[in-house]
Amino acid sequence: MPNEDIQGTQRMRRLALQRLSSAGGLIRSLFIYWRPGRQRGLQRLYQPFIQPGAVAFDIGAHLGDRSAAFHALGAKVVALEPQPDLAKWFKRLVRPPSITLLPLAAGPTAGFAEIAISPGNPTLSTLASSWREQIGERNASFSHVRWEQRLQVPVTTLDTLIEEYGEPSFIKIDVEGFEAEVLAGLSCPVAALSVEFVVGALEVSHACIHHLNRLGDYRYNAVAGEQRHFRWNEWQTPQAMTEWLRAGAEGIPSGDLYACRSDHPLLGGSP
């Protein structure tokens, strides 16, 4: 068989394996994020942050489970998902035409950036190159992840989104190690937000807290993994949350940090 035919066959096999891997990854993600009963739990979690008519940003919308919960609570949702395949599934799963889905990433400045895509785990794709190179060695949960595809995507900033769509009552940021860069594009305090944390890369969480402390007076809480309840009844000071992270976040492999401005009604304040 000529060498060109052999190479062509090998390319076809690689593409077929990538398609199978991608299909398997989507099936796993659909089970995790859209299993029965999950939406009710998400709506209970986010209800204190979202009132009917409020704006909510979903940065790293993936398959749209958070956007769906925000919309069910009456929010005007602006969702960002730069991966075309995930955006297609978002549109199939989250049907309300009132949700604005943008094919963009968010970052510190507007422009373009390269996203590394894991076909087998598309919701773990990332713009954070150093995070991607190190996280598998630092966190066993990521040791199997392979980022085999690259895609140039347009990037906007939170400030630009606020200017166009209004100040959000809540921002969810889940962008696999790029959370601090996304927050770097925010220059004014917002009422509440969440950022993903991952053990093995907790320096990202420290950078997020540092930036938020420069913007305003925030209190913090955490949700472990894909649970839908807060870790503590009392919201924590920046110092307490920093110490918790410094001590290893109780060994929780990943989860979300929630930041709530100290004058938020959830904390007994009046904005």
C-alpha atoms as a PDB file:
ATOM      1  CA  MET A   1       0.000   0.000   0.000  1.00  0.00           C
ATOM      2  CA  PRO A   2       1.472   3.422  -0.944  1.00  0.00           C
ATOM      3  CA  ASN A   3       2.652   5.583   1.926  1.00  0.00           C
ATOM      4  CA  GLU A   4       0.032   8.276   1.171  1.00  0.00           C
ATOM      5  CA  ASP A   5      -2.756   5.675   1.475  1.00  0.00           C
ATOM      6  CA  ILE A   6      -1.380   4.458   4.800  1.00  0.00           C
ATOM      7  CA  GLN A   7      -1.254   8.020   6.145  1.00  0.00           C
ATOM      8  CA  GLY A   8      -4.781   8.673   4.875  1.00  0.00           C
ATOM      9  CA  THR A   9      -6.064   5.543   6.596  1.00  0.00           C
ATOM     10  CA  GLN A  10      -4.346   6.536   9.821  1.00  0.00           C
ATOM     11  CA  ARG A  11      -5.911  10.008   9.666  1.00  0.00           C
ATOM     12  CA  MET A  12      -9.351   8.482   9.121  1.00  0.00           C
ATOM     13  CA  ARG A  13      -8.849   6.175  12.098  1.00  0.00           C
ATOM     14  CA  ARG A  14      -7.768   9.096  14.297  1.00  0.00           C
ATOM     15  CA  LEU A  15     -10.813  11.118  13.238  1.00  0.00           C
ATOM     16  CA  ALA A  16     -13.111   8.175  13.881  1.00  0.00           C
ATOM     17  CA  LEU A  17     -11.615   7.658  17.341  1.00  0.00           C
ATOM     18  CA  GLN A  18     -11.986  11.364  18.118  1.00  0.00           C
ATOM     19  CA  ARG A  19     -15.643  11.250  17.062  1.00  0.00           C
ATOM     20  CA  LEU A  20     -16.251   8.234  19.291  1.00  0.00           C
ATOM     21  CA  SER A  21     -14.435   9.922  22.163  1.00  0.00           C
ATOM     22  CA  SER A  22     -16.431  13.114  21.669  1.00  0.00           C
ATOM     23  CA  ALA A  23     -19.725  11.213  21.586  1.00  0.00           C
ATOM     24  CA  GLY A  24     -18.791   9.397  24.798  1.00  0.00           C
ATOM     25  CA  GLY A  25     -17.818  12.676  26.460  1.00  0.00           C
ATOM     26  CA  LEU A  26     -21.112  14.301  25.507  1.00  0.00           C
ATOM     27  CA  ILE A  27     -23.087  11.339  26.846  1.00  0.00           C
ATOM     28  CA  ARG A  28     -21.253  11.567  30.188  1.00  0.00           C
ATOM     29  CA  SER A  29     -21.828  15.313  30.348  1.00  0.00           C
ATOM     30  CA  LEU A  30     -25.519  14.948  29.511  1.00  0.00           C
ATOM     31  CA  PHE A  31     -25.913  12.474  32.361  1.00  0.00           C
ATOM     32  CA  ILE A  32     -24.046  14.703  34.838  1.00  0.00           C
ATOM     33  CA  TYR A  33     -25.647  18.027  33.965  1.00  0.00           C
ATOM     34  CA  TRP A  34     -29.135  17.021  32.812  1.00  0.00           C
ATOM     35  CA  ARG A  35     -30.043  14.061  35.007  1.00  0.00           C
ATOM     36  CA  PRO A  36     -33.575  14.118  36.478  1.00  0.00           C
ATOM     37  CA  GLY A  37     -34.053  16.381  39.483  1.00  0.00           C
ATOM     38  CA  ARG A  38     -30.895  18.414  38.949  1.00  0.00           C
ATOM     39  CA  GLN A  39     -32.680  21.509  37.663  1.00  0.00           C
ATOM     40  CA  ARG A  40     -34.790  21.772  40.819  1.00  0.00           C
ATOM     41  CA  GLY A  41     -31.639  21.736  42.938  1.00  0.00           C
ATOM     42  CA  LEU A  42     -29.928  24.351  40.793  1.00  0.00           C
ATOM     43  CA  GLN A  43     -32.918  26.654  40.984  1.00  0.00           C
ATOM     44  CA  ARG A  44     -32.950  26.378  44.789  1.00  0.00           C
ATOM     45  CA  LEU A  45     -29.230  27.178  44.866  1.00  0.00           C
ATOM     46  CA  TYR A  46     -29.470  30.263  42.637  1.00  0.00           C
ATOM     47  CA  GLN A  47     -32.822  31.648  43.783  1.00  0.00           C
ATOM     48  CA  PRO A  48     -31.275  33.988  46.420  1.00  0.00           C
ATOM     49  CA  PHE A  49     -29.189  35.654  43.699  1.00  0.00           C
ATOM     50  CA  ILE A  50     -31.695  36.039  40.877  1.00  0.00           C
ATOM     51  CA  GLN A  51     -34.963  37.935  40.867  1.00  0.00           C
ATOM     52  CA  PRO A  52     -37.350  38.015  37.873  1.00  0.00           C
ATOM     53  CA  GLY A  53     -36.101  40.479  35.273  1.00  0.00           C
ATOM     54  CA  ALA A  54     -32.514  40.480  36.551  1.00  0.00           C
ATOM     55  CA  VAL A  55     -29.558  39.919  34.229  1.00  0.00           C
ATOM     56  CA  ALA A  56     -27.386  36.817  34.683  1.00  0.00           C
ATOM     57  CA  PHE A  57     -24.174  35.874  32.853  1.00  0.00           C
ATOM     58  CA  ASP A  58     -23.202  32.238  32.207  1.00  0.00           C
ATOM     59  CA  ILE A  59     -19.513  32.265  31.266  1.00  0.00           C
ATOM     60  CA  GLY A  60     -18.495  28.848  29.985  1.00  0.00           C
ATOM     61  CA  ALA A  61     -22.091  27.769  29.431  1.00  0.00           C
ATOM     62  CA  HIS A  62     -21.203  24.256  28.261  1.00  0.00           C
ATOM     63  CA  LEU A  63     -24.494  22.331  27.877  1.00  0.00           C
ATOM     64  CA  GLY A  64     -26.614  25.100  29.365  1.00  0.00           C
ATOM     65  CA  ASP A  65     -27.829  23.611  32.653  1.00  0.00           C
ATOM     66  CA  ARG A  66     -27.068  26.808  34.590  1.00  0.00           C
ATOM     67  CA  SER A  67     -28.556  29.014  31.883  1.00  0.00           C
ATOM     68  CA  ALA A  68     -31.744  26.954  32.052  1.00  0.00           C
ATOM     69  CA  ALA A  69     -31.915  27.396  35.830  1.00  0.00           C
ATOM     70  CA  PHE A  70     -31.305  31.150  35.571  1.00  0.00           C
ATOM     71  CA  HIS A  71     -34.032  31.440  32.942  1.00  0.00           C
ATOM     72  CA  ALA A  72     -36.490  29.424  35.037  1.00  0.00           C
ATOM     73  CA  LEU A  73     -35.932  31.951  37.856  1.00  0.00           C
ATOM     74  CA  GLY A  74     -36.876  34.776  35.493  1.00  0.00           C
ATOM     75  CA  ALA A  75     -33.425  36.077  34.568  1.00  0.00           C
ATOM     76  CA  LYS A  76     -32.405  37.670  31.294  1.00  0.00           C
ATOM     77  CA  VAL A  77     -29.585  35.253  30.498  1.00  0.00           C
ATOM     78  CA  VAL A  78     -26.451  36.029  28.505  1.00  0.00           C
ATOM     79  CA  ALA A  79     -24.479  32.824  27.914  1.00  0.00           C
ATOM     80  CA  LEU A  80     -20.995  32.451  26.410  1.00  0.00           C
ATOM     81  CA  GLU A  81     -19.886  29.174  24.819  1.00  0.00           C
ATOM     82  CA  PRO A  82     -17.079  29.318  22.221  1.00  0.00           C
ATOM     83  CA  GLN A  83     -17.118  25.609  21.293  1.00  0.00           C
ATOM     84  CA  PRO A  84     -19.392  25.121  18.247  1.00  0.00           C
ATOM     85  CA  ASP A  85     -20.329  21.535  19.128  1.00  0.00           C
ATOM     86  CA  LEU A  86     -21.342  22.445  22.673  1.00  0.00           C
ATOM     87  CA  ALA A  87     -23.224  25.497  21.412  1.00  0.00           C
ATOM     88  CA  LYS A  88     -25.277  23.228  19.130  1.00  0.00           C
ATOM     89  CA  TRP A  89     -26.217  21.022  22.081  1.00  0.00           C
ATOM     90  CA  PHE A  90     -26.973  24.099  24.178  1.00  0.00           C
ATOM     91  CA  LYS A  91     -29.544  25.161  21.567  1.00  0.00           C
ATOM     92  CA  ARG A  92     -31.117  21.697  21.549  1.00  0.00           C
ATOM     93  CA  LEU A  93     -31.345  21.461  25.327  1.00  0.00           C
ATOM     94  CA  VAL A  94     -32.103  25.087  26.253  1.00  0.00           C
ATOM     95  CA  ARG A  95     -34.854  26.214  23.925  1.00  0.00           C
ATOM     96  CA  PRO A  96     -36.095  29.622  25.203  1.00  0.00           C
ATOM     97  CA  PRO A  97     -35.354  32.202  22.493  1.00  0.00           C
ATOM     98  CA  SER A  98     -35.010  34.883  25.171  1.00  0.00           C
ATOM     99  CA  ILE A  99     -31.610  33.464  26.210  1.00  0.00           C
ATOM    100  CA  THR A 100     -28.751  35.203  24.403  1.00  0.00           C
ATOM    101  CA  LEU A 101     -26.090  32.638  23.432  1.00  0.00           C
ATOM    102  CA  LEU A 102     -22.825  34.164  22.180  1.00  0.00           C
ATOM    103  CA  PRO A 103     -20.023  32.158  20.457  1.00  0.00           C
ATOM    104  CA  LEU A 104     -17.392  33.923  22.563  1.00  0.00           C
ATOM    105  CA  ALA A 105     -14.928  33.326  25.359  1.00  0.00           C
ATOM    106  CA  ALA A 106     -14.247  35.888  28.090  1.00  0.00           C
ATOM    107  CA  GLY A 107     -10.858  37.173  29.148  1.00  0.00           C
ATOM    108  CA  PRO A 108      -8.859  40.170  30.382  1.00  0.00           C
ATOM    109  CA  THR A 109      -9.029  41.965  27.021  1.00  0.00           C
ATOM    110  CA  ALA A 110     -10.995  41.665  23.803  1.00  0.00           C
ATOM    111  CA  GLY A 111      -9.379  39.856  20.890  1.00  0.00           C
ATOM    112  CA  PHE A 112      -8.729  36.235  19.986  1.00  0.00           C
ATOM    113  CA  ALA A 113      -7.287  33.280  21.897  1.00  0.00           C
ATOM    114  CA  GLU A 114      -6.651  29.575  21.392  1.00  0.00           C
ATOM    115  CA  ILE A 115      -8.874  27.122  23.214  1.00  0.00           C
ATOM    116  CA  ALA A 116      -7.585  23.586  23.761  1.00  0.00           C
ATOM    117  CA  ILE A 117     -10.448  21.105  23.383  1.00  0.00           C
ATOM    118  CA  SER A 118     -10.674  17.666  24.956  1.00  0.00           C
ATOM    119  CA  PRO A 119     -12.887  15.587  22.618  1.00  0.00           C
ATOM    120  CA  GLY A 120     -13.474  13.018  25.354  1.00  0.00           C
ATOM    121  CA  ASN A 121     -14.269  15.679  27.959  1.00  0.00           C
ATOM    122  CA  PRO A 122     -15.497  18.750  26.055  1.00  0.00           C
ATOM    123  CA  THR A 123     -16.639  20.552  29.211  1.00  0.00           C
ATOM    124  CA  LEU A 124     -12.990  20.522  30.388  1.00  0.00           C
ATOM    125  CA  SER A 125     -11.669  22.493  27.407  1.00  0.00           C
ATOM    126  CA  THR A 126      -9.616  25.546  28.349  1.00  0.00           C
ATOM    127  CA  LEU A 127      -7.815  28.713  27.307  1.00  0.00           C
ATOM    128  CA  ALA A 128      -5.335  28.373  30.209  1.00  0.00           C
ATOM    129  CA  SER A 129      -2.219  26.787  28.718  1.00  0.00           C
ATOM    130  CA  SER A 130      -0.092  26.538  31.890  1.00  0.00           C
ATOM    131  CA  TRP A 131      -3.058  25.163  33.867  1.00  0.00           C
ATOM    132  CA  ARG A 132      -3.615  22.536  31.178  1.00  0.00           C
ATOM    133  CA  GLU A 133       0.036  21.473  31.203  1.00  0.00           C
ATOM    134  CA  GLN A 134       0.198  20.973  34.984  1.00  0.00           C
ATOM    135  CA  ILE A 135      -3.245  20.004  36.271  1.00  0.00           C
ATOM    136  CA  GLY A 136      -3.020  16.305  35.352  1.00  0.00           C
ATOM    137  CA  GLU A 137       0.025  15.872  37.595  1.00  0.00           C
ATOM    138  CA  ARG A 138      -1.463  17.891  40.451  1.00  0.00           C
ATOM    139  CA  ASN A 139      -5.021  16.551  40.473  1.00  0.00           C
ATOM    140  CA  ALA A 140      -5.744  12.888  39.748  1.00  0.00           C
ATOM    141  CA  SER A 141      -9.236  13.743  38.513  1.00  0.00           C
ATOM    142  CA  PHE A 142      -7.626  15.303  35.423  1.00  0.00           C
ATOM    143  CA  SER A 143      -4.913  12.715  34.787  1.00  0.00           C
ATOM    144  CA  HIS A 144      -6.917  11.054  31.990  1.00  0.00           C
ATOM    145  CA  VAL A 145      -7.825  14.256  30.135  1.00  0.00           C
ATOM    146  CA  ARG A 146      -6.195  14.862  26.755  1.00  0.00           C
ATOM    147  CA  TRP A 147      -6.547  18.192  24.935  1.00  0.00           C
ATOM    148  CA  GLU A 148      -6.140  17.051  21.338  1.00  0.00           C
ATOM    149  CA  GLN A 149      -7.773  19.853  19.357  1.00  0.00           C
ATOM    150  CA  ARG A 150      -7.142  23.591  19.043  1.00  0.00           C
ATOM    151  CA  LEU A 151      -9.497  26.357  17.966  1.00  0.00           C
ATOM    152  CA  GLN A 152      -9.077  30.123  17.640  1.00  0.00           C
ATOM    153  CA  VAL A 153     -12.024  31.833  19.326  1.00  0.00           C
ATOM    154  CA  PRO A 154     -13.080  35.481  19.775  1.00  0.00           C
ATOM    155  CA  VAL A 155     -12.766  36.899  23.278  1.00  0.00           C
ATOM    156  CA  THR A 156     -14.777  39.616  25.008  1.00  0.00           C
ATOM    157  CA  THR A 157     -14.641  41.021  28.558  1.00  0.00           C
ATOM    158  CA  LEU A 158     -17.103  41.189  31.432  1.00  0.00           C
ATOM    159  CA  ASP A 159     -16.956  44.986  31.276  1.00  0.00           C
ATOM    160  CA  THR A 160     -18.005  44.870  27.612  1.00  0.00           C
ATOM    161  CA  LEU A 161     -20.874  42.499  28.384  1.00  0.00           C
ATOM    162  CA  ILE A 162     -22.064  44.761  31.215  1.00  0.00           C
ATOM    163  CA  GLU A 163     -21.918  47.794  28.949  1.00  0.00           C
ATOM    164  CA  GLU A 164     -24.062  46.013  26.348  1.00  0.00           C
ATOM    165  CA  TYR A 165     -26.488  43.956  28.455  1.00  0.00           C
ATOM    166  CA  GLY A 166     -26.555  45.682  31.861  1.00  0.00           C
ATOM    167  CA  GLU A 167     -25.158  44.893  35.301  1.00  0.00           C
ATOM    168  CA  PRO A 168     -25.791  41.257  36.233  1.00  0.00           C
ATOM    169  CA  SER A 169     -27.182  40.136  39.564  1.00  0.00           C
ATOM    170  CA  PHE A 170     -25.104  36.974  39.192  1.00  0.00           C
ATOM    171  CA  ILE A 171     -22.173  35.745  37.080  1.00  0.00           C
ATOM    172  CA  LYS A 172     -21.258  32.071  36.844  1.00  0.00           C
ATOM    173  CA  ILE A 173     -17.678  31.500  35.617  1.00  0.00           C
ATOM    174  CA  ASP A 174     -16.531  27.955  34.830  1.00  0.00           C
ATOM    175  CA  VAL A 175     -13.635  28.077  32.380  1.00  0.00           C
ATOM    176  CA  GLU A 176     -11.098  25.483  33.553  1.00  0.00           C
ATOM    177  CA  GLY A 177      -8.277  27.493  35.070  1.00  0.00           C
ATOM    178  CA  PHE A 178      -8.988  30.751  33.212  1.00  0.00           C
ATOM    179  CA  GLU A 179     -11.231  32.222  35.920  1.00  0.00           C
ATOM    180  CA  ALA A 180      -8.745  34.856  37.142  1.00  0.00           C
ATOM    181  CA  GLU A 181      -8.213  36.088  33.581  1.00  0.00           C
ATOM    182  CA  VAL A 182     -11.968  36.407  33.105  1.00  0.00           C
ATOM    183  CA  LEU A 183     -12.254  38.434  36.320  1.00  0.00           C
ATOM    184  CA  ALA A 184      -9.374  40.641  35.163  1.00  0.00           C
ATOM    185  CA  GLY A 185     -11.844  41.946  32.574  1.00  0.00           C
ATOM    186  CA  LEU A 186     -14.165  43.185  35.342  1.00  0.00           C
ATOM    187  CA  SER A 187     -13.483  46.658  36.756  1.00  0.00           C
ATOM    188  CA  CYS A 188     -16.573  47.208  38.934  1.00  0.00           C
ATOM    189  CA  PRO A 189     -18.090  45.176  41.779  1.00  0.00           C
ATOM    190  CA  VAL A 190     -21.136  43.038  40.991  1.00  0.00           C
ATOM    191  CA  ALA A 191     -23.679  41.654  43.446  1.00  0.00           C
ATOM    192  CA  ALA A 192     -22.629  37.988  43.343  1.00  0.00           C
ATOM    193  CA  LEU A 193     -20.719  35.461  41.285  1.00  0.00           C
ATOM    194  CA  SER A 194     -19.157  32.037  41.297  1.00  0.00           C
ATOM    195  CA  VAL A 195     -15.803  30.758  40.018  1.00  0.00           C
ATOM    196  CA  GLU A 196     -14.671  27.165  39.744  1.00  0.00           C
ATOM    197  CA  PHE A 197     -11.863  25.960  42.018  1.00  0.00           C
ATOM    198  CA  VAL A 198      -9.675  22.922  41.357  1.00  0.00           C
ATOM    199  CA  VAL A 199      -7.283  21.363  43.873  1.00  0.00           C
ATOM    200  CA  GLY A 200      -3.820  21.409  42.322  1.00  0.00           C
ATOM    201  CA  ALA A 201      -4.426  24.879  40.896  1.00  0.00           C
ATOM    202  CA  LEU A 202      -5.712  26.806  43.900  1.00  0.00           C
ATOM    203  CA  GLU A 203      -3.469  29.727  43.000  1.00  0.00           C
ATOM    204  CA  VAL A 204      -6.208  30.575  40.470  1.00  0.00           C
ATOM    205  CA  SER A 205      -8.735  30.865  43.317  1.00  0.00           C
ATOM    206  CA  HIS A 206      -6.361  33.037  45.353  1.00  0.00           C
ATOM    207  CA  ALA A 207      -5.989  35.358  42.356  1.00  0.00           C
ATOM    208  CA  CYS A 208      -9.776  35.553  41.997  1.00  0.00           C
ATOM    209  CA  ILE A 209     -10.241  36.497  45.664  1.00  0.00           C
ATOM    210  CA  HIS A 210      -7.445  39.051  45.425  1.00  0.00           C
ATOM    211  CA  HIS A 211      -9.093  40.730  42.437  1.00  0.00           C
ATOM    212  CA  LEU A 212     -12.537  40.741  44.041  1.00  0.00           C
ATOM    213  CA  ASN A 213     -11.123  42.256  47.240  1.00  0.00           C
ATOM    214  CA  ARG A 214      -9.806  45.152  45.157  1.00  0.00           C
ATOM    215  CA  LEU A 215     -13.279  45.713  43.713  1.00  0.00           C
ATOM    216  CA  GLY A 216     -15.388  45.553  46.872  1.00  0.00           C
ATOM    217  CA  ASP A 217     -16.254  43.961  50.209  1.00  0.00           C
ATOM    218  CA  TYR A 218     -17.228  40.332  49.558  1.00  0.00           C
ATOM    219  CA  ARG A 219     -18.107  37.281  51.635  1.00  0.00           C
ATOM    220  CA  TYR A 220     -17.514  33.746  50.403  1.00  0.00           C
ATOM    221  CA  ASN A 221     -18.941  30.248  50.417  1.00  0.00           C
ATOM    222  CA  ALA A 222     -18.267  27.025  48.522  1.00  0.00           C
ATOM    223  CA  VAL A 223     -20.070  24.185  46.784  1.00  0.00           C
ATOM    224  CA  ALA A 224     -18.229  20.866  46.490  1.00  0.00           C
ATOM    225  CA  GLY A 225     -18.217  19.200  43.083  1.00  0.00           C
ATOM    226  CA  GLU A 226     -21.647  19.131  41.482  1.00  0.00           C
ATOM    227  CA  GLN A 227     -23.515  19.363  44.771  1.00  0.00           C
ATOM    228  CA  ARG A 228     -26.238  21.981  45.049  1.00  0.00           C
ATOM    229  CA  HIS A 229     -25.849  23.267  48.585  1.00  0.00           C
ATOM    230  CA  PHE A 230     -23.370  25.539  50.333  1.00  0.00           C
ATOM    231  CA  ARG A 231     -20.539  24.236  52.496  1.00  0.00           C
ATOM    232  CA  TRP A 232     -21.250  26.592  55.399  1.00  0.00           C
ATOM    233  CA  ASN A 233     -24.317  28.202  56.922  1.00  0.00           C
ATOM    234  CA  GLU A 234     -22.302  31.375  57.589  1.00  0.00           C
ATOM    235  CA  TRP A 235     -20.581  33.178  54.733  1.00  0.00           C
ATOM    236  CA  GLN A 236     -16.824  33.494  55.195  1.00  0.00           C
ATOM    237  CA  THR A 237     -14.541  36.502  55.244  1.00  0.00           C
ATOM    238  CA  PRO A 238     -11.874  36.790  52.542  1.00  0.00           C
ATOM    239  CA  GLN A 239      -9.261  35.860  55.145  1.00  0.00           C
ATOM    240  CA  ALA A 240     -11.155  32.724  56.240  1.00  0.00           C
ATOM    241  CA  MET A 241     -11.700  31.608  52.653  1.00  0.00           C
ATOM    242  CA  THR A 242      -8.050  32.209  51.814  1.00  0.00           C
ATOM    243  CA  GLU A 243      -6.990  30.085  54.786  1.00  0.00           C
ATOM    244  CA  TRP A 244      -9.395  27.310  53.772  1.00  0.00           C
ATOM    245  CA  LEU A 245      -7.878  27.242  50.302  1.00  0.00           C
ATOM    246  CA  ARG A 246      -4.349  27.425  51.686  1.00  0.00           C
ATOM    247  CA  ALA A 247      -5.098  24.365  53.826  1.00  0.00           C
ATOM    248  CA  GLY A 248      -6.104  22.416  50.710  1.00  0.00           C
ATOM    249  CA  ALA A 249      -9.868  23.007  50.524  1.00  0.00           C
ATOM    250  CA  GLU A 250     -10.471  19.876  52.635  1.00  0.00           C
ATOM    251  CA  GLY A 251      -9.126  17.791  49.758  1.00  0.00           C
ATOM    252  CA  ILE A 252     -12.213  18.447  47.616  1.00  0.00           C
ATOM    253  CA  PRO A 253     -11.032  17.775  44.036  1.00  0.00           C
ATOM    254  CA  SER A 254     -13.076  20.610  42.544  1.00  0.00           C
ATOM    255  CA  GLY A 255     -16.094  22.803  43.128  1.00  0.00           C
ATOM    256  CA  ASP A 256     -17.205  26.410  43.001  1.00  0.00           C
ATOM    257  CA  LEU A 257     -16.411  29.432  45.151  1.00  0.00           C
ATOM    258  CA  TYR A 258     -19.283  31.862  45.598  1.00  0.00           C
ATOM    259  CA  ALA A 259     -18.660  35.533  46.287  1.00  0.00           C
ATOM    260  CA  CYS A 260     -21.470  37.733  47.565  1.00  0.00           C
ATOM    261  CA  ARG A 261     -21.144  41.461  48.193  1.00  0.00           C
ATOM    262  CA  SER A 262     -21.471  42.232  51.898  1.00  0.00           C
ATOM    263  CA  ASP A 263     -24.519  44.476  51.350  1.00  0.00           C
ATOM    264  CA  HIS A 264     -26.406  41.726  49.491  1.00  0.00           C
ATOM    265  CA  PRO A 265     -29.880  40.869  50.874  1.00  0.00           C
ATOM    266  CA  LEU A 266     -28.752  37.251  51.276  1.00  0.00           C
ATOM    267  CA  LEU A 267     -26.356  38.476  53.958  1.00  0.00           C
ATOM    268  CA  GLY A 268     -28.928  40.728  55.576  1.00  0.00           C
ATOM    269  CA  GLY A 269     -27.840  43.894  53.800  1.00  0.00           C
ATOM    270  CA  SER A 270     -29.712  46.309  51.596  1.00  0.00           C
ATOM    271  CA  PRO A 271     -27.940  47.179  48.319  1.00  0.00           C
END
